[in-house]
Amino acid sequence: MATEAVLTAVVSRAVQTAELVDDECLFDRDDLAAVLRYCDTAWNSDAVLAAVDTVLQQCVQDLDAAGARAAGVLRARIVRATARRQLPVENIQGDIGAGRGAPPDVP
């Protein structure tokens, strides 16, 4: 996994090169692909989203409205591109669940 500094740099580049056209935010294809390349696992996706939040916070502090908008759109695209699905699982006893632990009524 890449370091926080590397992820922040990749995300920052994608935000800086984004073009805001009317109501759309257009990302450079290579820059967007570089960001999504790091989202290969749920753990890595969370790290990338943390880097997006860092860049978004920096844009807000710098009063960079375009950068803040681009970072928000990038965050939404990452969430959509890395959808998480919980699969129902069955244990040896035949209990079916989604891996979220015991139901609240079980001691």
N, C-alpha and C. Protein backbone atom coordinates (compact mmCIF):
# COMPACT_ATOMS: atom_id res chain seq x y z
N MET A 1 0.84 -1.18 0.00
CA MET A 1 0.00 0.00 0.00
C MET A 1 0.88 1.24 0.00
N ALA A 2 0.43 2.24 -0.71
CA ALA A 2 1.15 3.49 -0.80
C ALA A 2 1.04 4.27 0.51
N THR A 3 1.98 5.15 0.71
CA THR A 3 1.97 5.98 1.91
C THR A 3 0.90 7.07 1.78
N GLU A 4 0.61 7.68 2.90
CA GLU A 4 -0.38 8.75 2.92
C GLU A 4 0.05 9.92 2.02
N ALA A 5 1.33 10.22 2.01
CA ALA A 5 1.84 11.32 1.19
C ALA A 5 1.65 11.03 -0.30
N VAL A 6 1.88 9.79 -0.70
CA VAL A 6 1.72 9.41 -2.12
C VAL A 6 0.25 9.51 -2.50
N LEU A 7 -0.64 8.98 -1.66
CA LEU A 7 -2.07 9.04 -1.96
C LEU A 7 -2.56 10.48 -2.03
N THR A 8 -2.10 11.31 -1.11
CA THR A 8 -2.50 12.72 -1.12
C THR A 8 -2.02 13.41 -2.39
N ALA A 9 -0.81 13.09 -2.83
CA ALA A 9 -0.27 13.70 -4.05
C ALA A 9 -1.06 13.26 -5.29
N VAL A 10 -1.42 11.99 -5.36
CA VAL A 10 -2.18 11.48 -6.51
C VAL A 10 -3.57 12.11 -6.53
N VAL A 11 -4.21 12.19 -5.39
CA VAL A 11 -5.54 12.80 -5.30
C VAL A 11 -5.46 14.28 -5.61
N SER A 12 -4.46 14.95 -5.09
CA SER A 12 -4.29 16.38 -5.33
C SER A 12 -4.12 16.67 -6.82
N ARG A 13 -3.35 15.84 -7.49
CA ARG A 13 -3.15 16.01 -8.94
C ARG A 13 -4.47 15.85 -9.69
N ALA A 14 -5.27 14.85 -9.31
CA ALA A 14 -6.55 14.64 -9.97
C ALA A 14 -7.48 15.84 -9.75
N VAL A 15 -7.46 16.41 -8.55
CA VAL A 15 -8.31 17.56 -8.24
C VAL A 15 -7.83 18.80 -8.99
N GLN A 16 -6.52 19.00 -9.05
CA GLN A 16 -5.97 20.19 -9.71
C GLN A 16 -6.20 20.18 -11.21
N THR A 17 -6.19 19.01 -11.83
CA THR A 17 -6.35 18.93 -13.29
C THR A 17 -7.79 18.78 -13.72
N ALA A 18 -8.73 18.73 -12.77
CA ALA A 18 -10.15 18.60 -13.12
C ALA A 18 -10.65 19.90 -13.74
N GLU A 19 -11.55 19.74 -14.69
CA GLU A 19 -12.15 20.90 -15.35
C GLU A 19 -13.62 20.97 -14.97
N LEU A 20 -14.05 22.13 -14.53
CA LEU A 20 -15.46 22.34 -14.20
C LEU A 20 -16.14 23.01 -15.38
N VAL A 21 -17.05 22.26 -16.00
CA VAL A 21 -17.78 22.75 -17.16
C VAL A 21 -19.26 22.70 -16.84
N ASP A 22 -19.88 23.87 -16.77
CA ASP A 22 -21.29 23.99 -16.40
C ASP A 22 -21.54 23.24 -15.09
N ASP A 23 -22.34 22.20 -15.13
CA ASP A 23 -22.65 21.44 -13.92
C ASP A 23 -21.86 20.15 -13.82
N GLU A 24 -20.86 19.99 -14.66
CA GLU A 24 -20.08 18.75 -14.67
C GLU A 24 -18.65 19.00 -14.22
N CYS A 25 -18.06 17.97 -13.66
CA CYS A 25 -16.65 17.99 -13.27
C CYS A 25 -15.95 16.91 -14.09
N LEU A 26 -15.07 17.33 -14.97
CA LEU A 26 -14.39 16.40 -15.86
C LEU A 26 -12.96 16.18 -15.37
N PHE A 27 -12.64 14.93 -15.08
CA PHE A 27 -11.30 14.58 -14.62
C PHE A 27 -10.47 14.08 -15.78
N ASP A 28 -9.19 14.34 -15.72
CA ASP A 28 -8.27 13.76 -16.68
C ASP A 28 -8.34 12.24 -16.52
N ARG A 29 -8.47 11.54 -17.62
CA ARG A 29 -8.66 10.09 -17.58
C ARG A 29 -7.51 9.39 -16.86
N ASP A 30 -6.28 9.78 -17.14
CA ASP A 30 -5.12 9.14 -16.52
C ASP A 30 -5.03 9.44 -15.02
N ASP A 31 -5.35 10.68 -14.64
CA ASP A 31 -5.30 11.05 -13.23
C ASP A 31 -6.38 10.32 -12.43
N LEU A 32 -7.58 10.20 -13.00
CA LEU A 32 -8.64 9.47 -12.34
C LEU A 32 -8.30 7.98 -12.23
N ALA A 33 -7.73 7.43 -13.28
CA ALA A 33 -7.32 6.02 -13.26
C ALA A 33 -6.23 5.78 -12.21
N ALA A 34 -5.33 6.74 -12.05
CA ALA A 34 -4.27 6.61 -11.05
C ALA A 34 -4.85 6.56 -9.65
N VAL A 35 -5.87 7.36 -9.40
CA VAL A 35 -6.52 7.35 -8.08
C VAL A 35 -7.24 6.03 -7.86
N LEU A 36 -8.02 5.60 -8.83
CA LEU A 36 -8.81 4.37 -8.68
C LEU A 36 -7.93 3.13 -8.63
N ARG A 37 -6.74 3.20 -9.17
CA ARG A 37 -5.82 2.06 -9.13
C ARG A 37 -5.46 1.68 -7.69
N TYR A 38 -5.45 2.66 -6.81
CA TYR A 38 -5.12 2.39 -5.41
C TYR A 38 -6.32 1.82 -4.63
N CYS A 39 -7.49 1.80 -5.22
CA CYS A 39 -8.71 1.34 -4.54
C CYS A 39 -8.96 -0.14 -4.81
N ASP A 40 -7.94 -0.97 -4.65
CA ASP A 40 -8.09 -2.39 -4.98
C ASP A 40 -8.67 -3.22 -3.85
N THR A 41 -8.67 -2.73 -2.63
CA THR A 41 -9.30 -3.41 -1.50
C THR A 41 -10.09 -2.39 -0.70
N ALA A 42 -10.95 -2.89 0.19
CA ALA A 42 -11.74 -1.98 1.03
C ALA A 42 -10.83 -1.14 1.92
N TRP A 43 -9.77 -1.76 2.44
CA TRP A 43 -8.82 -1.05 3.30
C TRP A 43 -8.15 0.08 2.52
N ASN A 44 -7.70 -0.21 1.30
CA ASN A 44 -7.04 0.80 0.48
C ASN A 44 -8.02 1.89 0.05
N SER A 45 -9.26 1.52 -0.23
CA SER A 45 -10.26 2.52 -0.59
C SER A 45 -10.48 3.51 0.54
N ASP A 46 -10.50 2.99 1.77
CA ASP A 46 -10.65 3.88 2.92
C ASP A 46 -9.46 4.84 3.03
N ALA A 47 -8.26 4.35 2.73
CA ALA A 47 -7.07 5.22 2.77
C ALA A 47 -7.15 6.30 1.69
N VAL A 48 -7.63 5.93 0.51
CA VAL A 48 -7.78 6.91 -0.57
C VAL A 48 -8.84 7.94 -0.20
N LEU A 49 -9.94 7.49 0.38
CA LEU A 49 -10.98 8.43 0.79
C LEU A 49 -10.48 9.37 1.87
N ALA A 50 -9.61 8.89 2.75
CA ALA A 50 -8.99 9.76 3.76
C ALA A 50 -8.12 10.80 3.08
N ALA A 51 -7.40 10.41 2.02
CA ALA A 51 -6.57 11.37 1.28
C ALA A 51 -7.45 12.40 0.58
N VAL A 52 -8.59 11.97 0.05
CA VAL A 52 -9.53 12.92 -0.58
C VAL A 52 -10.03 13.91 0.46
N ASP A 53 -10.35 13.42 1.65
CA ASP A 53 -10.80 14.32 2.72
C ASP A 53 -9.73 15.33 3.09
N THR A 54 -8.47 14.89 3.10
CA THR A 54 -7.35 15.80 3.40
C THR A 54 -7.24 16.89 2.34
N VAL A 55 -7.34 16.49 1.07
CA VAL A 55 -7.26 17.46 -0.02
C VAL A 55 -8.46 18.39 0.01
N LEU A 56 -9.63 17.85 0.29
CA LEU A 56 -10.84 18.68 0.39
C LEU A 56 -10.70 19.71 1.50
N GLN A 57 -10.19 19.29 2.64
CA GLN A 57 -9.99 20.21 3.75
C GLN A 57 -9.00 21.32 3.38
N GLN A 58 -7.95 20.96 2.65
CA GLN A 58 -6.96 21.95 2.22
C GLN A 58 -7.58 22.95 1.24
N CYS A 59 -8.44 22.45 0.34
CA CYS A 59 -9.12 23.34 -0.60
C CYS A 59 -10.04 24.31 0.13
N VAL A 60 -10.71 23.83 1.16
CA VAL A 60 -11.60 24.69 1.94
C VAL A 60 -10.79 25.76 2.66
N GLN A 61 -9.66 25.36 3.25
CA GLN A 61 -8.82 26.32 3.96
C GLN A 61 -8.24 27.37 3.01
N ASP A 62 -7.94 26.95 1.77
CA ASP A 62 -7.38 27.86 0.77
C ASP A 62 -8.46 28.66 0.04
N LEU A 63 -9.73 28.44 0.40
CA LEU A 63 -10.87 29.09 -0.26
C LEU A 63 -10.89 28.79 -1.75
N ASP A 64 -10.53 27.59 -2.11
CA ASP A 64 -10.51 27.13 -3.50
C ASP A 64 -11.82 26.40 -3.77
N ALA A 65 -12.83 27.15 -4.23
CA ALA A 65 -14.16 26.57 -4.45
C ALA A 65 -14.15 25.50 -5.53
N ALA A 66 -13.40 25.74 -6.61
CA ALA A 66 -13.33 24.76 -7.69
C ALA A 66 -12.67 23.47 -7.22
N GLY A 67 -11.60 23.60 -6.47
CA GLY A 67 -10.92 22.42 -5.95
C GLY A 67 -11.78 21.65 -4.97
N ALA A 68 -12.52 22.38 -4.12
CA ALA A 68 -13.41 21.72 -3.16
C ALA A 68 -14.52 20.97 -3.89
N ARG A 69 -15.06 21.58 -4.93
CA ARG A 69 -16.11 20.91 -5.71
C ARG A 69 -15.56 19.68 -6.40
N ALA A 70 -14.37 19.79 -6.99
CA ALA A 70 -13.75 18.66 -7.66
C ALA A 70 -13.44 17.53 -6.67
N ALA A 71 -12.99 17.88 -5.47
CA ALA A 71 -12.69 16.86 -4.46
C ALA A 71 -13.98 16.16 -4.02
N GLY A 72 -15.06 16.90 -3.89
CA GLY A 72 -16.34 16.29 -3.53
C GLY A 72 -16.84 15.33 -4.59
N VAL A 73 -16.71 15.74 -5.84
CA VAL A 73 -17.12 14.86 -6.95
C VAL A 73 -16.22 13.64 -7.02
N LEU A 74 -14.93 13.83 -6.80
CA LEU A 74 -14.00 12.70 -6.82
C LEU A 74 -14.35 11.70 -5.72
N ARG A 75 -14.69 12.21 -4.55
CA ARG A 75 -15.09 11.33 -3.44
C ARG A 75 -16.31 10.50 -3.83
N ALA A 76 -17.30 11.14 -4.43
CA ALA A 76 -18.51 10.43 -4.85
C ALA A 76 -18.20 9.37 -5.91
N ARG A 77 -17.30 9.69 -6.83
CA ARG A 77 -16.94 8.72 -7.87
C ARG A 77 -16.20 7.52 -7.29
N ILE A 78 -15.35 7.77 -6.32
CA ILE A 78 -14.62 6.66 -5.68
C ILE A 78 -15.60 5.74 -4.96
N VAL A 79 -16.55 6.34 -4.25
CA VAL A 79 -17.54 5.53 -3.53
C VAL A 79 -18.36 4.71 -4.51
N ARG A 80 -18.76 5.31 -5.65
CA ARG A 80 -19.53 4.56 -6.65
C ARG A 80 -18.70 3.49 -7.33
N ALA A 81 -17.44 3.78 -7.58
CA ALA A 81 -16.59 2.83 -8.32
C ALA A 81 -16.14 1.67 -7.45
N THR A 82 -16.20 1.82 -6.14
CA THR A 82 -15.72 0.77 -5.24
C THR A 82 -16.84 0.32 -4.33
N ALA A 83 -18.00 -0.01 -4.92
CA ALA A 83 -19.15 -0.42 -4.13
C ALA A 83 -18.82 -1.68 -3.33
N ARG A 84 -19.26 -1.68 -2.10
CA ARG A 84 -19.04 -2.84 -1.23
C ARG A 84 -20.35 -3.60 -1.11
N ARG A 85 -20.25 -4.87 -1.25
CA ARG A 85 -21.43 -5.71 -1.13
C ARG A 85 -21.20 -6.75 -0.05
N GLN A 86 -22.18 -6.91 0.81
CA GLN A 86 -22.08 -7.95 1.83
C GLN A 86 -22.81 -9.18 1.33
N LEU A 87 -22.11 -10.28 1.34
CA LEU A 87 -22.70 -11.53 0.89
C LEU A 87 -23.22 -12.29 2.10
N PRO A 88 -24.40 -12.87 1.98
CA PRO A 88 -24.89 -13.68 3.07
C PRO A 88 -24.02 -14.92 3.24
N VAL A 89 -23.71 -15.24 4.47
CA VAL A 89 -22.87 -16.40 4.75
C VAL A 89 -23.59 -17.32 5.73
N GLU A 90 -23.25 -18.58 5.67
CA GLU A 90 -23.85 -19.55 6.57
C GLU A 90 -22.73 -20.25 7.32
N ASN A 91 -22.86 -20.33 8.64
CA ASN A 91 -21.84 -21.00 9.43
C ASN A 91 -22.20 -22.49 9.59
N ILE A 92 -21.42 -23.22 10.33
CA ILE A 92 -21.62 -24.65 10.50
C ILE A 92 -22.97 -24.97 11.14
N GLN A 93 -23.44 -24.09 12.02
CA GLN A 93 -24.70 -24.32 12.70
C GLN A 93 -25.91 -24.02 11.81
N GLY A 94 -25.67 -23.42 10.67
CA GLY A 94 -26.77 -23.09 9.77
C GLY A 94 -27.29 -21.67 9.93
N ASP A 95 -26.63 -20.88 10.78
CA ASP A 95 -27.05 -19.49 10.94
C ASP A 95 -26.65 -18.71 9.70
N ILE A 96 -27.56 -17.91 9.20
CA ILE A 96 -27.29 -17.11 8.00
C ILE A 96 -27.21 -15.65 8.42
N GLY A 97 -26.19 -14.98 7.95
CA GLY A 97 -26.01 -13.57 8.28
C GLY A 97 -25.11 -12.91 7.28
N ALA A 98 -24.76 -11.68 7.56
CA ALA A 98 -23.91 -10.90 6.67
C ALA A 98 -22.57 -10.61 7.29
N GLY A 99 -22.18 -11.34 8.30
CA GLY A 99 -20.87 -11.14 8.91
C GLY A 99 -20.79 -9.95 9.82
N ARG A 100 -21.91 -9.51 10.37
CA ARG A 100 -21.91 -8.33 11.23
C ARG A 100 -21.99 -8.69 12.70
N GLY A 101 -21.75 -9.91 13.04
CA GLY A 101 -21.79 -10.31 14.45
C GLY A 101 -23.14 -10.90 14.82
N ALA A 102 -23.27 -11.24 16.08
CA ALA A 102 -24.50 -11.86 16.57
C ALA A 102 -25.64 -10.86 16.58
N PRO A 103 -26.87 -11.33 16.35
CA PRO A 103 -28.02 -10.43 16.44
C PRO A 103 -28.14 -9.87 17.85
N PRO A 104 -28.77 -8.72 18.03
CA PRO A 104 -28.84 -8.07 19.33
C PRO A 104 -29.57 -8.89 20.41
N ASP A 105 -30.49 -9.79 20.03
CA ASP A 105 -31.24 -10.54 21.04
C ASP A 105 -30.49 -11.78 21.55
N VAL A 106 -29.30 -12.07 21.01
CA VAL A 106 -28.51 -13.21 21.46
C VAL A 106 -27.49 -12.72 22.48
N PRO A 107 -27.45 -13.34 23.69
CA PRO A 107 -26.50 -12.87 24.72
C PRO A 107 -25.07 -13.17 24.36
